Amino acid sequence: QVQLVESGGGLVQAGGSLRLSCASSGGRFNRYTMGWFRQAPGKEREFVAAVSGTGGSTAYADSTKGRFTISRDNAKNTGYLQMNSLKPEDTAVYYCAARYSVYASANYDRSNEYDYWGQGTQVTVSS
């Protein structure tokens, strides 16, 4: 059973940066694709980014491409989401998620494709 714990959220001004972390335990971390999703009040959960188990493949939502960078350190069983040039519309609860993938793929952008979820961390961007 994989367990995920996010950290690093907080309050930041528009244009600022934050780095989220997702610590994993209970599974072979490098066998799992890791994704980040977010959910703003009154909105559906949406895909942010994903990274393959090896870290060699990544995928991004159009709204985050060029501003956010997803990465992972398999030696530390931890994934990261570096968020730069933050905008008020990035305000949401951010969740990390994981799914087993034998194909080392990052092409999973739907929440129902992931089996394990963290509890979420709040990111608030003020204007």
C-alpha atoms as a PDB file:
ATOM      1  CA  GLN A   1       0.000   0.000   0.000  1.00  0.00           C
ATOM      2  CA  VAL A   2       1.495   3.311  -1.119  1.00  0.00           C
ATOM      3  CA  GLN A   3       1.143   6.286   1.169  1.00  0.00           C
ATOM      4  CA  LEU A   4       1.708   9.847  -0.003  1.00  0.00           C
ATOM      5  CA  VAL A   5       2.214  12.976   2.076  1.00  0.00           C
ATOM      6  CA  GLU A   6       2.385  16.429   0.522  1.00  0.00           C
ATOM      7  CA  SER A   7       4.086  19.457   2.009  1.00  0.00           C
ATOM      8  CA  GLY A   8       5.259  22.890   0.971  1.00  0.00           C
ATOM      9  CA  GLY A   9       2.009  24.710   0.388  1.00  0.00           C
ATOM     10  CA  GLY A  10       1.371  28.200   1.677  1.00  0.00           C
ATOM     11  CA  LEU A  11       0.540  31.787   0.855  1.00  0.00           C
ATOM     12  CA  VAL A  12       2.531  33.595  -1.814  1.00  0.00           C
ATOM     13  CA  GLN A  13       2.138  36.772  -3.810  1.00  0.00           C
ATOM     14  CA  ALA A  14       1.456  36.688  -7.518  1.00  0.00           C
ATOM     15  CA  GLY A  15       4.685  36.187  -9.430  1.00  0.00           C
ATOM     16  CA  GLY A  16       6.241  34.248  -6.585  1.00  0.00           C
ATOM     17  CA  SER A  17       7.344  30.643  -6.312  1.00  0.00           C
ATOM     18  CA  LEU A  18       6.663  27.586  -4.194  1.00  0.00           C
ATOM     19  CA  ARG A  19       7.988  24.052  -4.216  1.00  0.00           C
ATOM     20  CA  LEU A  20       5.694  21.234  -3.215  1.00  0.00           C
ATOM     21  CA  SER A  21       7.009  17.890  -2.046  1.00  0.00           C
ATOM     22  CA  CYS A  22       5.351  14.489  -2.032  1.00  0.00           C
ATOM     23  CA  ALA A  23       6.924  11.877   0.235  1.00  0.00           C
ATOM     24  CA  SER A  24       6.079   8.276  -0.600  1.00  0.00           C
ATOM     25  CA  SER A  25       6.244   5.099   1.451  1.00  0.00           C
ATOM     26  CA  GLY A  26       5.029   1.540   1.170  1.00  0.00           C
ATOM     27  CA  GLY A  27       5.944   0.692  -2.413  1.00  0.00           C
ATOM     28  CA  ARG A  28       8.719   0.606  -4.971  1.00  0.00           C
ATOM     29  CA  PHE A  29       8.640   4.290  -5.763  1.00  0.00           C
ATOM     30  CA  ASN A  30      10.410   4.019  -9.103  1.00  0.00           C
ATOM     31  CA  ARG A  31       7.656   1.729 -10.426  1.00  0.00           C
ATOM     32  CA  TYR A  32       4.992   4.392  -9.987  1.00  0.00           C
ATOM     33  CA  THR A  33       4.058   7.288 -12.190  1.00  0.00           C
ATOM     34  CA  MET A  34       3.498  10.325 -10.011  1.00  0.00           C
ATOM     35  CA  GLY A  35       1.047  13.066 -10.792  1.00  0.00           C
ATOM     36  CA  TRP A  36      -0.032  16.379  -9.331  1.00  0.00           C
ATOM     37  CA  PHE A  37      -3.618  17.555  -9.434  1.00  0.00           C
ATOM     38  CA  ARG A  38      -5.354  20.571  -7.972  1.00  0.00           C
ATOM     39  CA  GLN A  39      -8.865  21.500  -6.943  1.00  0.00           C
ATOM     40  CA  ALA A  40     -10.142  25.013  -6.434  1.00  0.00           C
ATOM     41  CA  PRO A  41     -13.354  25.728  -4.491  1.00  0.00           C
ATOM     42  CA  GLY A  42     -16.402  24.913  -6.573  1.00  0.00           C
ATOM     43  CA  LYS A  43     -14.354  23.373  -9.371  1.00  0.00           C
ATOM     44  CA  GLU A  44     -13.463  19.867 -10.416  1.00  0.00           C
ATOM     45  CA  ARG A  45     -10.085  18.371  -9.704  1.00  0.00           C
ATOM     46  CA  GLU A  46      -7.744  19.065 -12.613  1.00  0.00           C
ATOM     47  CA  PHE A  47      -4.484  17.669 -13.862  1.00  0.00           C
ATOM     48  CA  VAL A  48      -1.335  19.702 -13.299  1.00  0.00           C
ATOM     49  CA  ALA A  49       1.643  17.516 -14.222  1.00  0.00           C
ATOM     50  CA  ALA A  50       2.958  13.954 -14.204  1.00  0.00           C
ATOM     51  CA  VAL A  51       6.345  12.252 -14.230  1.00  0.00           C
ATOM     52  CA  SER A  52       7.219   8.680 -15.098  1.00  0.00           C
ATOM     53  CA  GLY A  53       8.772   6.294 -12.602  1.00  0.00           C
ATOM     54  CA  THR A  54      12.267   6.835 -13.942  1.00  0.00           C
ATOM     55  CA  GLY A  55      11.800  10.586 -14.207  1.00  0.00           C
ATOM     56  CA  GLY A  56      12.589  10.454 -17.892  1.00  0.00           C
ATOM     57  CA  SER A  57       9.149  11.466 -19.144  1.00  0.00           C
ATOM     58  CA  THR A  58       6.948  14.333 -18.042  1.00  0.00           C
ATOM     59  CA  ALA A  59       3.592  15.781 -18.992  1.00  0.00           C
ATOM     60  CA  TYR A  60       1.959  19.108 -18.182  1.00  0.00           C
ATOM     61  CA  ALA A  61      -1.392  20.778 -18.407  1.00  0.00           C
ATOM     62  CA  ASP A  62      -1.421  23.694 -20.834  1.00  0.00           C
ATOM     63  CA  SER A  63      -2.123  26.075 -17.953  1.00  0.00           C
ATOM     64  CA  THR A  64       1.084  25.100 -16.133  1.00  0.00           C
ATOM     65  CA  LYS A  65       3.467  24.387 -18.975  1.00  0.00           C
ATOM     66  CA  GLY A  66       6.490  26.674 -18.858  1.00  0.00           C
ATOM     67  CA  ARG A  67       5.807  27.778 -15.279  1.00  0.00           C
ATOM     68  CA  PHE A  68       5.741  24.511 -13.317  1.00  0.00           C
ATOM     69  CA  THR A  69       8.363  21.763 -13.266  1.00  0.00           C
ATOM     70  CA  ILE A  70       7.718  18.260 -11.995  1.00  0.00           C
ATOM     71  CA  SER A  71      10.589  16.071 -10.850  1.00  0.00           C
ATOM     72  CA  ARG A  72      11.403  13.203  -8.534  1.00  0.00           C
ATOM     73  CA  ASP A  73      14.252  11.828  -6.485  1.00  0.00           C
ATOM     74  CA  ASN A  74      13.817   8.074  -6.332  1.00  0.00           C
ATOM     75  CA  ALA A  75      16.636   7.700  -3.816  1.00  0.00           C
ATOM     76  CA  LYS A  76      14.568   9.811  -1.412  1.00  0.00           C
ATOM     77  CA  ASN A  77      11.173   8.401  -2.462  1.00  0.00           C
ATOM     78  CA  THR A  78      10.046  11.970  -2.993  1.00  0.00           C
ATOM     79  CA  GLY A  79       8.462  13.886  -5.825  1.00  0.00           C
ATOM     80  CA  TYR A  80       8.438  17.628  -6.344  1.00  0.00           C
ATOM     81  CA  LEU A  81       6.457  20.327  -8.078  1.00  0.00           C
ATOM     82  CA  GLN A  82       8.346  23.585  -8.567  1.00  0.00           C
ATOM     83  CA  MET A  83       5.865  26.368  -9.238  1.00  0.00           C
ATOM     84  CA  ASN A  84       7.119  29.678 -10.613  1.00  0.00           C
ATOM     85  CA  SER A  85       5.345  32.820 -11.830  1.00  0.00           C
ATOM     86  CA  LEU A  86       2.349  31.927  -9.733  1.00  0.00           C
ATOM     87  CA  LYS A  87      -1.008  33.510 -10.536  1.00  0.00           C
ATOM     88  CA  PRO A  88      -4.112  33.966  -8.380  1.00  0.00           C
ATOM     89  CA  GLU A  89      -5.861  31.364 -10.528  1.00  0.00           C
ATOM     90  CA  ASP A  90      -3.318  28.798  -9.323  1.00  0.00           C
ATOM     91  CA  THR A  91      -4.953  28.972  -5.893  1.00  0.00           C
ATOM     92  CA  ALA A  92      -6.181  25.485  -4.990  1.00  0.00           C
ATOM     93  CA  VAL A  93      -5.573  22.429  -2.885  1.00  0.00           C
ATOM     94  CA  TYR A  94      -2.788  20.477  -4.555  1.00  0.00           C
ATOM     95  CA  TYR A  95      -2.741  16.700  -4.409  1.00  0.00           C
ATOM     96  CA  CYS A  96      -0.058  14.243  -5.400  1.00  0.00           C
ATOM     97  CA  ALA A  97      -1.102  10.882  -6.749  1.00  0.00           C
ATOM     98  CA  ALA A  98       0.580   7.674  -7.849  1.00  0.00           C
ATOM     99  CA  ARG A  99      -0.175   4.716 -10.073  1.00  0.00           C
ATOM    100  CA  TYR A 100       1.782   1.634 -10.970  1.00  0.00           C
ATOM    101  CA  SER A 101       3.050   1.737 -14.542  1.00  0.00           C
ATOM    102  CA  VAL A 102       5.127  -0.917 -16.294  1.00  0.00           C
ATOM    103  CA  TYR A 103       5.572   1.390 -19.296  1.00  0.00           C
ATOM    104  CA  ALA A 104       7.449   4.184 -17.504  1.00  0.00           C
ATOM    105  CA  SER A 105       4.923   6.608 -18.911  1.00  0.00           C
ATOM    106  CA  ALA A 106       3.806  10.047 -17.805  1.00  0.00           C
ATOM    107  CA  ASN A 107       0.715  10.031 -20.029  1.00  0.00           C
ATOM    108  CA  TYR A 108      -1.878   9.798 -17.306  1.00  0.00           C
ATOM    109  CA  ASP A 109      -3.866  13.010 -16.917  1.00  0.00           C
ATOM    110  CA  ARG A 110      -7.161  11.785 -15.480  1.00  0.00           C
ATOM    111  CA  SER A 111      -7.706  11.457 -11.762  1.00  0.00           C
ATOM    112  CA  ASN A 112      -9.376   8.057 -12.153  1.00  0.00           C
ATOM    113  CA  GLU A 113      -6.137   6.686 -13.588  1.00  0.00           C
ATOM    114  CA  TYR A 114      -4.419   7.039 -10.219  1.00  0.00           C
ATOM    115  CA  ASP A 115      -4.739   4.613  -7.348  1.00  0.00           C
ATOM    116  CA  TYR A 116      -3.105   6.426  -4.449  1.00  0.00           C
ATOM    117  CA  TRP A 117      -3.595   9.977  -3.207  1.00  0.00           C
ATOM    118  CA  GLY A 118      -2.162  12.287  -0.607  1.00  0.00           C
ATOM    119  CA  GLN A 119      -4.234  14.440   1.709  1.00  0.00           C
ATOM    120  CA  GLY A 120      -3.545  17.669  -0.176  1.00  0.00           C
ATOM    121  CA  THR A 121      -1.758  20.923   0.595  1.00  0.00           C
ATOM    122  CA  GLN A 122      -3.241  24.402   0.212  1.00  0.00           C
ATOM    123  CA  VAL A 123      -1.642  26.890  -2.152  1.00  0.00           C
ATOM    124  CA  THR A 124      -2.960  30.451  -2.046  1.00  0.00           C
ATOM    125  CA  VAL A 125      -1.713  33.101  -4.452  1.00  0.00           C
ATOM    126  CA  SER A 126      -2.633  36.673  -3.593  1.00  0.00           C
ATOM    127  CA  SER A 127      -2.929  39.390  -6.196  1.00  0.00           C
END
